[in-house]
Every structure is written in C-alpha cells, then in structure tokens.
C-alpha cells in the first residue's frame, strides 16, 4: 500500500500538472514520479524555459 505522506502534493501522485488552458506537463516538484521522499530537494535543477504564456517548455 502506498503511504499517503509520500505522494506528491502538487500533482496528487499523477506526475503531471495542468495549467488553466489544460496543457499538461511534467510535475516540476516530483520530477514526474508522483512520489516524494524525505530529504529530497524540491527545487528545479536549473532554469526552466517558458513561452510567452509562461508555460514550461520541456
């Protein structure tokens, strides 16, 4: 059974986030895994590229 405390709160374990225009992209908090581990750094590895609408480009 999955421990509810380890599921990413940002994407609710899905690994994907959706913006207001329903574009889906990889969760930047958990890196797309849907799971968080204690002591894991939640900051992005580097600068993220965005388009004119401020959407993250992968």
C-alpha atoms as a PDB file:
ATOM      1  CA  UNK A   1       0.000   0.000   0.000  1.00  0.00           C
ATOM      2  CA  UNK A   2       1.250   3.489  -0.842  1.00  0.00           C
ATOM      3  CA  UNK A   3       1.969   5.792   2.073  1.00  0.00           C
ATOM      4  CA  UNK A   4      -0.174   8.914   1.582  1.00  0.00           C
ATOM      5  CA  UNK A   5       2.610  11.026   3.136  1.00  0.00           C
ATOM      6  CA  UNK A   6       4.968  10.171   0.260  1.00  0.00           C
ATOM      7  CA  UNK A   7       2.618  11.164  -2.577  1.00  0.00           C
ATOM      8  CA  UNK A   8       3.490  14.479  -4.229  1.00  0.00           C
ATOM      9  CA  UNK A   9       1.045  17.145  -3.029  1.00  0.00           C
ATOM     10  CA  UNK A  10       1.481  19.279  -6.152  1.00  0.00           C
ATOM     11  CA  UNK A  11       0.309  16.651  -8.684  1.00  0.00           C
ATOM     12  CA  UNK A  12      -1.502  14.302  -6.264  1.00  0.00           C
ATOM     13  CA  UNK A  13       0.628  11.381  -7.413  1.00  0.00           C
ATOM     14  CA  UNK A  14      -0.146  11.715 -11.130  1.00  0.00           C
ATOM     15  CA  UNK A  15       3.262  13.091 -12.134  1.00  0.00           C
ATOM     16  CA  UNK A  16       1.586  15.676 -14.369  1.00  0.00           C
ATOM     17  CA  UNK A  17       0.344  19.202 -13.799  1.00  0.00           C
ATOM     18  CA  UNK A  18      -2.235  21.040 -15.902  1.00  0.00           C
ATOM     19  CA  UNK A  19      -2.465  24.781 -16.495  1.00  0.00           C
ATOM     20  CA  UNK A  20      -5.627  26.835 -16.965  1.00  0.00           C
ATOM     21  CA  UNK A  21      -5.634  26.088 -20.713  1.00  0.00           C
ATOM     22  CA  UNK A  22      -5.495  22.345 -19.955  1.00  0.00           C
ATOM     23  CA  UNK A  23      -1.928  21.894 -21.203  1.00  0.00           C
ATOM     24  CA  UNK A  24      -0.332  19.010 -19.316  1.00  0.00           C
ATOM     25  CA  UNK A  25       3.319  18.988 -18.336  1.00  0.00           C
ATOM     26  CA  UNK A  26       5.667  17.055 -16.068  1.00  0.00           C
ATOM     27  CA  UNK A  27       5.389  17.981 -12.402  1.00  0.00           C
ATOM     28  CA  UNK A  28       8.338  20.195 -11.521  1.00  0.00           C
ATOM     29  CA  UNK A  29       8.123  19.286  -7.809  1.00  0.00           C
ATOM     30  CA  UNK A  30       8.470  15.490  -8.003  1.00  0.00           C
ATOM     31  CA  UNK A  31      10.022  15.326 -11.485  1.00  0.00           C
ATOM     32  CA  UNK A  32       7.125  13.283 -12.857  1.00  0.00           C
ATOM     33  CA  UNK A  33       7.424  10.334 -10.479  1.00  0.00           C
ATOM     34  CA  UNK A  34       4.396  11.273  -8.365  1.00  0.00           C
ATOM     35  CA  UNK A  35       6.274  10.348  -5.192  1.00  0.00           C
ATOM     36  CA  UNK A  36       8.236  12.463  -2.734  1.00  0.00           C
ATOM     37  CA  UNK A  37      10.941  11.154  -0.437  1.00  0.00           C
ATOM     38  CA  UNK A  38      12.063  12.752   2.786  1.00  0.00           C
ATOM     39  CA  UNK A  39      15.059  14.996   2.333  1.00  0.00           C
ATOM     40  CA  UNK A  40      14.620  15.282  -1.446  1.00  0.00           C
ATOM     41  CA  UNK A  41      15.325  18.727  -2.835  1.00  0.00           C
ATOM     42  CA  UNK A  42      12.126  20.091  -4.422  1.00  0.00           C
ATOM     43  CA  UNK A  43      13.867  22.940  -6.235  1.00  0.00           C
ATOM     44  CA  UNK A  44      14.271  22.591 -10.022  1.00  0.00           C
ATOM     45  CA  UNK A  45      17.723  21.508 -11.214  1.00  0.00           C
ATOM     46  CA  UNK A  46      18.211  24.551 -13.393  1.00  0.00           C
ATOM     47  CA  UNK A  47      16.488  27.458 -15.014  1.00  0.00           C
ATOM     48  CA  UNK A  48      13.234  26.493 -16.739  1.00  0.00           C
ATOM     49  CA  UNK A  49      12.395  27.731 -20.233  1.00  0.00           C
ATOM     50  CA  UNK A  50       8.929  29.237 -20.650  1.00  0.00           C
ATOM     51  CA  UNK A  51       6.954  30.542 -23.629  1.00  0.00           C
ATOM     52  CA  UNK A  52       5.068  33.852 -23.965  1.00  0.00           C
ATOM     53  CA  UNK A  53       2.140  32.440 -21.949  1.00  0.00           C
ATOM     54  CA  UNK A  54       4.527  31.463 -19.125  1.00  0.00           C
ATOM     55  CA  UNK A  55       4.144  27.716 -19.838  1.00  0.00           C
ATOM     56  CA  UNK A  56       7.105  25.485 -19.072  1.00  0.00           C
ATOM     57  CA  UNK A  57       8.880  24.191 -22.195  1.00  0.00           C
ATOM     58  CA  UNK A  58      10.374  20.711 -21.971  1.00  0.00           C
END
